[in-house]
């Protein structure tokens, strides 16, 4: 078992390093190559659109992944870890909702139809499932809290659905990167490399977050 402890710890450390790398790549992509970001009001609709990948990748996926790893990476008592888990997921949920609002505003400004791609279907499914999971988890495990036996029966399903939603969010981001790559026509450029590396590191982040859940604490 001590060997698993070291492996679980190093898994979360590597996931945190991936988070830093992904955040850096996304910021470089949007600020250097894509004209920057505007918070919902701008004469340039591209800046409003850029808020979408910023919030969905950094806010929804990366912060959501940190919430999943909180029980393995944050020292403290179980009650404190539960609060950290809850708050990080709330931040991820708010970021996800605002990210979807941003893309709807962008499409309205440029006259594009809504919800016609696989990416949009997966994304809406992920945010709706995430919201439902959050509400159920809040009332079952935080306030007012279900009976201990009920919480015990729900816990495996809570963990399973949490990972399904997280992996669905990552898959949605990957389809979004591919869709953007093809729409803009990026080939053999620095921006294309940044997008490809972002997609690869997102996949690795999902792998290491999943490992952190599987490996025991002690």
Protein backbone atom coordinates (compact mmCIF):
# COMPACT_ATOMS: atom_id res chain seq x y z
CA UNK A 1 0.00 0.00 0.00
CA UNK A 2 2.77 2.58 0.63
CA UNK A 3 3.76 2.21 -3.02
CA UNK A 4 0.26 3.20 -4.06
CA UNK A 5 0.48 6.25 -1.78
CA UNK A 6 3.54 7.51 -3.64
CA UNK A 7 1.93 6.76 -6.99
CA UNK A 8 -1.29 8.60 -6.07
CA UNK A 9 0.65 11.63 -4.86
CA UNK A 10 2.82 11.83 -7.95
CA UNK A 11 -0.27 11.42 -10.12
CA UNK A 12 -1.93 14.51 -8.65
CA UNK A 13 1.33 16.50 -8.83
CA UNK A 14 1.69 15.68 -12.53
CA UNK A 15 -1.97 16.59 -13.11
CA UNK A 16 -1.33 20.00 -11.52
CA UNK A 17 1.66 20.53 -13.81
CA UNK A 18 -0.54 19.66 -16.78
CA UNK A 19 -3.10 22.21 -15.56
CA UNK A 20 -0.44 24.93 -15.58
CA UNK A 21 0.74 23.92 -19.06
CA UNK A 22 -2.80 23.83 -20.51
CA UNK A 23 -3.69 27.18 -18.95
CA UNK A 24 -0.55 28.73 -20.44
CA UNK A 25 -1.26 27.33 -23.91
CA UNK A 26 -4.88 28.50 -23.89
CA UNK A 27 -3.91 32.02 -22.78
CA UNK A 28 -1.16 32.25 -25.41
CA UNK A 29 -3.58 31.01 -28.08
CA UNK A 30 -6.39 33.43 -27.24
CA UNK A 31 -4.34 36.51 -26.31
CA UNK A 32 -1.56 36.23 -28.88
CA UNK A 33 -3.18 34.55 -31.89
CA UNK A 34 -6.91 35.28 -31.49
CA UNK A 35 -7.23 39.01 -30.67
CA UNK A 36 -7.90 38.60 -26.94
CA UNK A 37 -11.03 38.18 -24.84
CA UNK A 38 -14.04 40.41 -24.16
CA UNK A 39 -16.51 39.80 -21.36
CA UNK A 40 -19.76 39.71 -23.35
CA UNK A 41 -19.64 43.28 -24.74
CA UNK A 42 -17.41 44.09 -27.71
CA UNK A 43 -17.67 45.40 -31.24
CA UNK A 44 -15.46 42.45 -32.21
CA UNK A 45 -17.53 39.23 -31.90
CA UNK A 46 -14.37 37.08 -32.04
CA UNK A 47 -13.38 38.41 -28.61
CA UNK A 48 -16.74 37.32 -27.22
CA UNK A 49 -16.32 33.87 -28.77
CA UNK A 50 -12.84 33.59 -27.22
CA UNK A 51 -14.45 33.75 -23.80
CA UNK A 52 -16.04 30.38 -24.60
CA UNK A 53 -12.86 28.24 -24.81
CA UNK A 54 -11.28 30.24 -21.98
CA UNK A 55 -14.10 29.47 -19.55
CA UNK A 56 -14.83 25.95 -20.76
CA UNK A 57 -11.24 24.71 -20.71
CA UNK A 58 -9.77 26.56 -17.74
CA UNK A 59 -12.92 27.10 -15.70
CA UNK A 60 -15.08 24.08 -16.45
CA UNK A 61 -12.58 21.29 -17.18
CA UNK A 62 -9.43 22.22 -15.27
CA UNK A 63 -11.15 23.55 -12.14
CA UNK A 64 -13.57 20.61 -12.32
CA UNK A 65 -10.62 18.24 -12.47
CA UNK A 66 -9.09 19.93 -9.44
CA UNK A 67 -12.36 19.43 -7.59
CA UNK A 68 -12.28 15.72 -8.37
CA UNK A 69 -8.69 15.44 -7.10
CA UNK A 70 -9.33 17.52 -3.97
CA UNK A 71 -9.68 14.47 -1.71
CA UNK A 72 -6.24 13.24 -2.83
CA UNK A 73 -4.32 16.50 -3.24
CA UNK A 74 -5.59 18.84 -0.48
CA UNK A 75 -4.59 18.06 3.12
CA UNK A 76 -7.25 18.47 5.77
CA UNK A 77 -10.20 16.91 7.52
CA UNK A 78 -12.97 15.26 5.54
CA UNK A 79 -15.43 18.11 6.17
CA UNK A 80 -12.93 20.68 4.92
CA UNK A 81 -12.16 18.60 1.84
CA UNK A 82 -15.87 18.32 1.12
CA UNK A 83 -16.18 22.13 1.19
CA UNK A 84 -13.18 22.52 -1.17
CA UNK A 85 -14.70 19.89 -3.49
CA UNK A 86 -18.05 21.70 -3.43
CA UNK A 87 -16.66 25.21 -3.98
CA UNK A 88 -14.38 24.17 -6.86
CA UNK A 89 -17.28 22.40 -8.56
CA UNK A 90 -19.44 25.50 -8.11
CA UNK A 91 -16.75 27.62 -9.78
CA UNK A 92 -16.58 25.09 -12.62
CA UNK A 93 -20.38 25.13 -13.02
CA UNK A 94 -20.56 28.94 -13.14
CA UNK A 95 -17.68 29.05 -15.64
CA UNK A 96 -19.39 26.42 -17.80
CA UNK A 97 -22.71 28.29 -17.85
CA UNK A 98 -21.01 31.59 -18.70
CA UNK A 99 -18.97 29.87 -21.40
CA UNK A 100 -22.14 28.60 -23.05
CA UNK A 101 -23.76 32.04 -22.76
CA UNK A 102 -20.71 33.53 -24.51
CA UNK A 103 -20.96 31.23 -27.51
CA UNK A 104 -24.71 31.85 -27.86
CA UNK A 105 -24.06 35.61 -27.82
CA UNK A 106 -21.35 35.21 -30.44
CA UNK A 107 -23.56 33.17 -32.75
CA UNK A 108 -26.39 35.65 -32.34
CA UNK A 109 -24.06 38.52 -33.35
CA UNK A 110 -22.72 36.79 -36.47
CA UNK A 111 -25.98 35.10 -37.46
CA UNK A 112 -24.98 31.46 -37.00
CA UNK A 113 -27.52 28.78 -36.01
CA UNK A 114 -27.34 27.22 -32.54
CA UNK A 115 -26.94 23.58 -31.51
CA UNK A 116 -26.26 22.02 -34.91
CA UNK A 117 -22.92 20.26 -34.28
CA UNK A 118 -21.88 17.22 -32.26
CA UNK A 119 -19.67 19.53 -30.21
CA UNK A 120 -22.67 21.63 -29.16
CA UNK A 121 -24.76 18.56 -28.32
CA UNK A 122 -22.01 17.07 -26.18
CA UNK A 123 -21.35 20.40 -24.49
CA UNK A 124 -24.99 21.02 -23.58
CA UNK A 125 -25.29 17.44 -22.30
CA UNK A 126 -22.18 17.90 -20.15
CA UNK A 127 -23.33 21.15 -18.55
CA UNK A 128 -26.85 19.85 -17.87
CA UNK A 129 -25.56 16.62 -16.34
CA UNK A 130 -22.99 18.57 -14.33
CA UNK A 131 -25.67 20.85 -12.91
CA UNK A 132 -27.92 17.92 -12.01
CA UNK A 133 -25.00 16.08 -10.38
CA UNK A 134 -24.06 19.18 -8.38
CA UNK A 135 -27.58 19.73 -7.06
CA UNK A 136 -27.99 16.07 -6.10
CA UNK A 137 -24.56 15.96 -4.44
CA UNK A 138 -25.20 19.21 -2.53
CA UNK A 139 -28.43 17.99 -0.97
CA UNK A 140 -27.25 14.42 -0.40
CA UNK A 141 -23.78 15.09 1.03
CA UNK A 142 -23.71 18.68 2.27
CA UNK A 143 -27.04 20.26 3.18
CA UNK A 144 -29.29 19.00 4.64
CA UNK A 145 -27.50 15.68 3.98
CA UNK A 146 -29.08 12.28 3.48
CA UNK A 147 -28.86 9.48 6.02
CA UNK A 148 -25.48 7.77 6.25
CA UNK A 149 -26.77 4.53 4.71
CA UNK A 150 -28.29 6.45 1.79
CA UNK A 151 -25.08 8.40 1.22
CA UNK A 152 -23.14 5.15 1.22
CA UNK A 153 -25.39 3.62 -1.45
CA UNK A 154 -25.23 6.77 -3.58
CA UNK A 155 -21.46 7.28 -3.31
CA UNK A 156 -20.33 4.77 -6.01
CA UNK A 157 -22.85 6.22 -8.46
CA UNK A 158 -21.90 9.77 -7.49
CA UNK A 159 -18.25 9.03 -8.25
CA UNK A 160 -19.06 7.14 -11.44
CA UNK A 161 -21.31 9.87 -12.84
CA UNK A 162 -18.79 12.53 -11.84
CA UNK A 163 -16.09 10.84 -13.89
CA UNK A 164 -18.46 10.25 -16.83
CA UNK A 165 -19.36 13.96 -16.89
CA UNK A 166 -15.72 15.02 -16.56
CA UNK A 167 -14.62 12.76 -19.43
CA UNK A 168 -17.61 13.97 -21.48
CA UNK A 169 -16.44 17.55 -20.93
CA UNK A 170 -12.93 16.65 -22.08
CA UNK A 171 -14.31 14.87 -25.16
CA UNK A 172 -16.41 17.96 -25.90
CA UNK A 173 -13.33 20.18 -25.72
CA UNK A 174 -11.44 17.86 -28.07
CA UNK A 175 -14.24 17.99 -30.64
CA UNK A 176 -14.34 21.77 -30.24
CA UNK A 177 -10.62 22.09 -30.96
CA UNK A 178 -10.95 19.90 -34.07
CA UNK A 179 -13.99 21.86 -35.23
CA UNK A 180 -12.17 25.17 -34.76
CA UNK A 181 -9.03 23.85 -36.46
CA UNK A 182 -11.02 22.87 -39.56
CA UNK A 183 -13.21 25.99 -39.60
CA UNK A 184 -10.27 28.40 -39.50
CA UNK A 185 -8.08 26.24 -41.74
CA UNK A 186 -4.99 25.97 -39.56
CA UNK A 187 -2.22 23.99 -41.19
CA UNK A 188 1.48 23.85 -40.25
CA UNK A 189 1.44 27.02 -38.17
CA UNK A 190 2.37 27.93 -34.61
CA UNK A 191 -1.29 28.27 -33.73
CA UNK A 192 -1.98 24.77 -35.06
CA UNK A 193 0.80 23.40 -32.84
CA UNK A 194 -0.65 25.14 -29.81
CA UNK A 195 -4.11 23.69 -30.48
CA UNK A 196 -2.72 20.19 -31.02
CA UNK A 197 -0.63 20.31 -27.86
CA UNK A 198 -3.61 21.67 -25.92
CA UNK A 199 -5.72 18.72 -27.07
CA UNK A 200 -2.97 16.23 -26.21
CA UNK A 201 -2.39 17.69 -22.74
CA UNK A 202 -6.15 17.74 -22.06
CA UNK A 203 -6.22 14.02 -22.80
CA UNK A 204 -3.29 13.44 -20.43
CA UNK A 205 -4.99 15.58 -17.78
CA UNK A 206 -8.08 13.38 -18.03
CA UNK A 207 -5.89 10.27 -17.68
CA UNK A 208 -4.14 11.51 -14.54
CA UNK A 209 -7.33 12.82 -12.92
CA UNK A 210 -8.87 9.38 -13.51
CA UNK A 211 -5.81 7.71 -11.97
CA UNK A 212 -6.07 9.94 -8.91
CA UNK A 213 -9.58 8.62 -8.33
CA UNK A 214 -8.61 4.96 -8.81
CA UNK A 215 -5.49 4.95 -6.61
CA UNK A 216 -6.05 4.76 -2.83
CA UNK A 217 -4.86 7.45 -0.44
CA UNK A 218 -3.09 4.96 1.81
